[in-house]
């Protein structure tokens, strides 16, 4: 596990691993909601947070890149 954060509204814990996975876990129901691979181009996540409205998950990596993932679209990269 490289980074962890809580969703600001939903009972969701987000976990990012150094292998490029992001896991969403419902801590009330105690079940995995989504296990998703994110292409981090061989960089590791160092920090992660949801936006205040919970619509985006931001992941900072070791090469100072910030990935913006769409929470409501299965953590697919957000369109620019």
N, C-alpha and C. Protein backbone atom coordinates (compact mmCIF):
# COMPACT_ATOMS: atom_id res chain seq x y z
N UNK A 1 0.84 -1.16 0.00
CA UNK A 1 0.00 0.00 0.00
C UNK A 1 0.90 1.24 0.00
N UNK A 2 0.62 2.14 -0.92
CA UNK A 2 1.45 3.34 -1.05
C UNK A 2 0.72 4.61 -0.60
N UNK A 3 -0.62 4.64 -0.76
CA UNK A 3 -1.40 5.82 -0.39
C UNK A 3 -2.80 5.38 0.00
N UNK A 4 -3.41 6.15 0.88
CA UNK A 4 -4.75 5.82 1.36
C UNK A 4 -5.50 7.11 1.66
N UNK A 5 -6.82 7.11 1.40
CA UNK A 5 -7.64 8.29 1.70
C UNK A 5 -9.09 7.86 1.86
N UNK A 6 -9.88 8.73 2.47
CA UNK A 6 -11.31 8.50 2.65
C UNK A 6 -12.11 9.40 1.72
N UNK A 7 -13.23 8.89 1.21
CA UNK A 7 -14.15 9.69 0.41
C UNK A 7 -14.84 10.67 1.35
N UNK A 8 -15.05 11.92 0.92
CA UNK A 8 -15.63 12.92 1.81
C UNK A 8 -17.12 12.73 2.11
N UNK A 9 -17.81 11.93 1.31
CA UNK A 9 -19.26 11.76 1.49
C UNK A 9 -19.63 10.29 1.69
N UNK A 10 -19.21 9.44 0.79
CA UNK A 10 -19.54 8.02 0.83
C UNK A 10 -18.63 7.27 1.81
N UNK A 11 -19.09 6.14 2.35
CA UNK A 11 -18.26 5.36 3.27
C UNK A 11 -17.23 4.52 2.51
N UNK A 12 -16.34 5.20 1.80
CA UNK A 12 -15.38 4.54 0.91
C UNK A 12 -13.96 4.90 1.33
N UNK A 13 -13.15 3.86 1.41
CA UNK A 13 -11.72 3.99 1.64
C UNK A 13 -11.03 3.67 0.31
N UNK A 14 -10.17 4.56 -0.16
CA UNK A 14 -9.41 4.33 -1.40
C UNK A 14 -7.98 3.99 -1.03
N UNK A 15 -7.46 2.95 -1.65
CA UNK A 15 -6.10 2.49 -1.40
C UNK A 15 -5.39 2.38 -2.73
N UNK A 16 -4.19 2.94 -2.83
CA UNK A 16 -3.38 2.82 -4.04
C UNK A 16 -2.14 2.01 -3.72
N UNK A 17 -1.81 1.09 -4.60
CA UNK A 17 -0.63 0.27 -4.42
C UNK A 17 0.47 0.64 -5.39
N UNK A 18 1.69 0.32 -5.02
CA UNK A 18 2.83 0.66 -5.87
C UNK A 18 2.82 -0.09 -7.20
N UNK A 19 2.01 -1.14 -7.30
CA UNK A 19 1.92 -1.90 -8.55
C UNK A 19 0.96 -1.25 -9.55
N UNK A 20 0.29 -0.17 -9.17
CA UNK A 20 -0.60 0.54 -10.08
C UNK A 20 -2.07 0.26 -9.85
N UNK A 21 -2.43 -0.45 -8.80
CA UNK A 21 -3.84 -0.70 -8.56
C UNK A 21 -4.43 0.36 -7.64
N UNK A 22 -5.72 0.58 -7.78
CA UNK A 22 -6.49 1.41 -6.86
C UNK A 22 -7.69 0.57 -6.43
N UNK A 23 -7.88 0.47 -5.14
CA UNK A 23 -8.94 -0.33 -4.57
C UNK A 23 -9.90 0.60 -3.84
N UNK A 24 -11.20 0.45 -4.11
CA UNK A 24 -12.21 1.18 -3.35
C UNK A 24 -12.91 0.17 -2.44
N UNK A 25 -12.94 0.46 -1.16
CA UNK A 25 -13.50 -0.46 -0.19
C UNK A 25 -14.54 0.25 0.65
N UNK A 26 -15.75 -0.34 0.72
CA UNK A 26 -16.82 0.20 1.55
C UNK A 26 -16.59 -0.28 2.98
N UNK A 27 -16.25 0.62 3.87
CA UNK A 27 -15.91 0.23 5.23
C UNK A 27 -17.13 -0.02 6.11
N UNK A 28 -18.33 0.32 5.65
CA UNK A 28 -19.56 -0.03 6.39
C UNK A 28 -19.98 -1.46 6.03
N UNK A 29 -20.05 -1.73 4.72
CA UNK A 29 -20.46 -3.05 4.24
C UNK A 29 -19.31 -4.08 4.27
N UNK A 30 -18.10 -3.58 4.46
CA UNK A 30 -16.89 -4.42 4.47
C UNK A 30 -16.76 -5.23 3.18
N UNK A 31 -16.84 -4.50 2.05
CA UNK A 31 -16.70 -5.15 0.76
C UNK A 31 -15.97 -4.26 -0.23
N UNK A 32 -15.29 -4.92 -1.17
CA UNK A 32 -14.59 -4.22 -2.23
C UNK A 32 -15.61 -3.73 -3.24
N UNK A 33 -15.54 -2.46 -3.57
CA UNK A 33 -16.43 -1.86 -4.56
C UNK A 33 -15.79 -1.91 -5.94
N UNK A 34 -14.49 -1.66 -6.01
CA UNK A 34 -13.79 -1.62 -7.28
C UNK A 34 -12.32 -1.93 -7.07
N UNK A 35 -11.77 -2.74 -7.93
CA UNK A 35 -10.33 -3.00 -7.96
C UNK A 35 -9.90 -2.66 -9.37
N UNK A 36 -9.14 -1.60 -9.53
CA UNK A 36 -8.88 -1.01 -10.84
C UNK A 36 -7.37 -0.82 -11.02
N UNK A 37 -6.87 -1.15 -12.21
CA UNK A 37 -5.47 -0.89 -12.53
C UNK A 37 -5.37 0.47 -13.20
N UNK A 38 -4.43 1.28 -12.74
CA UNK A 38 -4.20 2.61 -13.30
C UNK A 38 -2.79 2.63 -13.86
N UNK A 39 -2.65 3.03 -15.11
CA UNK A 39 -1.33 3.12 -15.73
C UNK A 39 -0.60 4.33 -15.17
N UNK A 40 0.38 4.07 -14.32
CA UNK A 40 1.16 5.14 -13.71
C UNK A 40 2.54 5.25 -14.34
N UNK A 41 2.72 4.62 -15.49
CA UNK A 41 3.97 4.68 -16.25
C UNK A 41 5.20 4.43 -15.38
N UNK A 42 5.17 3.34 -14.64
CA UNK A 42 6.29 2.88 -13.81
C UNK A 42 6.61 3.80 -12.65
N UNK A 43 5.72 4.72 -12.35
CA UNK A 43 5.90 5.58 -11.18
C UNK A 43 5.00 5.08 -10.07
N UNK A 44 5.38 5.35 -8.84
CA UNK A 44 4.60 4.90 -7.70
C UNK A 44 3.79 6.05 -7.12
N UNK A 45 2.58 5.75 -6.63
CA UNK A 45 1.81 6.80 -5.96
C UNK A 45 2.46 7.17 -4.64
N UNK A 46 2.41 8.44 -4.31
CA UNK A 46 2.96 8.91 -3.04
C UNK A 46 1.90 9.53 -2.16
N UNK A 47 0.87 10.06 -2.77
CA UNK A 47 -0.21 10.70 -2.02
C UNK A 47 -1.50 10.58 -2.82
N UNK A 48 -2.61 10.70 -2.13
CA UNK A 48 -3.90 10.55 -2.80
C UNK A 48 -4.96 11.27 -1.98
N UNK A 49 -5.92 11.89 -2.69
CA UNK A 49 -7.04 12.54 -2.01
C UNK A 49 -8.21 12.68 -2.96
N UNK A 50 -9.40 12.73 -2.40
CA UNK A 50 -10.60 13.05 -3.18
C UNK A 50 -10.77 14.56 -3.17
N UNK A 51 -11.39 15.08 -4.23
CA UNK A 51 -11.78 16.48 -4.22
C UNK A 51 -12.88 16.65 -3.17
N UNK A 52 -13.11 17.86 -2.67
CA UNK A 52 -14.11 18.06 -1.61
C UNK A 52 -15.51 17.56 -1.97
N UNK A 53 -15.87 17.61 -3.26
CA UNK A 53 -17.19 17.12 -3.66
C UNK A 53 -17.20 15.60 -3.90
N UNK A 54 -16.03 14.98 -3.84
CA UNK A 54 -15.93 13.54 -4.00
C UNK A 54 -16.02 13.02 -5.42
N UNK A 55 -16.03 13.91 -6.38
CA UNK A 55 -16.21 13.51 -7.78
C UNK A 55 -14.92 13.03 -8.45
N UNK A 56 -13.78 13.45 -7.94
CA UNK A 56 -12.49 13.08 -8.53
C UNK A 56 -11.56 12.55 -7.46
N UNK A 57 -10.74 11.59 -7.87
CA UNK A 57 -9.69 11.06 -7.01
C UNK A 57 -8.36 11.51 -7.62
N UNK A 58 -7.57 12.21 -6.83
CA UNK A 58 -6.29 12.73 -7.29
C UNK A 58 -5.17 11.88 -6.70
N UNK A 59 -4.24 11.44 -7.55
CA UNK A 59 -3.12 10.62 -7.10
C UNK A 59 -1.83 11.29 -7.54
N UNK A 60 -0.98 11.62 -6.58
CA UNK A 60 0.34 12.17 -6.87
C UNK A 60 1.35 11.04 -6.96
N UNK A 61 2.27 11.11 -7.91
CA UNK A 61 3.25 10.05 -8.11
C UNK A 61 4.68 10.55 -7.83
N UNK A 62 5.62 9.61 -7.84
CA UNK A 62 7.01 9.93 -7.53
C UNK A 62 7.66 10.86 -8.55
N UNK A 63 7.10 10.98 -9.76
CA UNK A 63 7.68 11.90 -10.74
C UNK A 63 6.93 13.23 -10.81
N UNK A 64 6.20 13.55 -9.73
CA UNK A 64 5.46 14.81 -9.59
C UNK A 64 4.29 14.94 -10.56
N UNK A 65 3.78 13.83 -11.06
CA UNK A 65 2.58 13.83 -11.89
C UNK A 65 1.37 13.66 -11.00
N UNK A 66 0.28 14.34 -11.35
CA UNK A 66 -0.98 14.16 -10.63
C UNK A 66 -1.98 13.53 -11.60
N UNK A 67 -2.46 12.36 -11.24
CA UNK A 67 -3.49 11.68 -12.03
C UNK A 67 -4.85 12.10 -11.50
N UNK A 68 -5.77 12.41 -12.41
CA UNK A 68 -7.13 12.81 -12.03
C UNK A 68 -8.07 11.72 -12.53
N UNK A 69 -8.70 11.01 -11.59
CA UNK A 69 -9.58 9.90 -11.93
C UNK A 69 -11.02 10.25 -11.59
N UNK A 70 -11.93 9.82 -12.44
CA UNK A 70 -13.36 10.10 -12.30
C UNK A 70 -14.00 9.07 -11.37
N UNK A 71 -14.41 9.48 -10.20
CA UNK A 71 -14.99 8.58 -9.20
C UNK A 71 -16.26 7.91 -9.71
N UNK A 72 -17.09 8.65 -10.42
CA UNK A 72 -18.37 8.11 -10.88
C UNK A 72 -18.25 7.32 -12.18
N UNK A 73 -17.05 7.24 -12.75
CA UNK A 73 -16.85 6.51 -14.01
C UNK A 73 -15.78 5.43 -13.82
N UNK A 74 -15.90 4.65 -12.75
CA UNK A 74 -15.02 3.52 -12.47
C UNK A 74 -13.53 3.89 -12.44
N UNK A 75 -13.23 5.09 -11.99
CA UNK A 75 -11.86 5.58 -11.85
C UNK A 75 -11.11 5.67 -13.18
N UNK A 76 -11.82 5.87 -14.24
CA UNK A 76 -11.16 6.12 -15.52
C UNK A 76 -10.58 7.53 -15.48
N UNK A 77 -9.48 7.75 -16.21
CA UNK A 77 -8.89 9.10 -16.23
C UNK A 77 -9.91 10.14 -16.66
N UNK A 78 -9.88 11.25 -15.99
CA UNK A 78 -10.80 12.35 -16.30
C UNK A 78 -10.37 13.00 -17.60
N UNK A 79 -11.33 13.27 -18.46
CA UNK A 79 -11.03 13.94 -19.73
C UNK A 79 -10.57 15.37 -19.47
N UNK A 80 -9.59 15.82 -20.24
CA UNK A 80 -9.04 17.18 -20.05
C UNK A 80 -9.99 18.21 -20.57
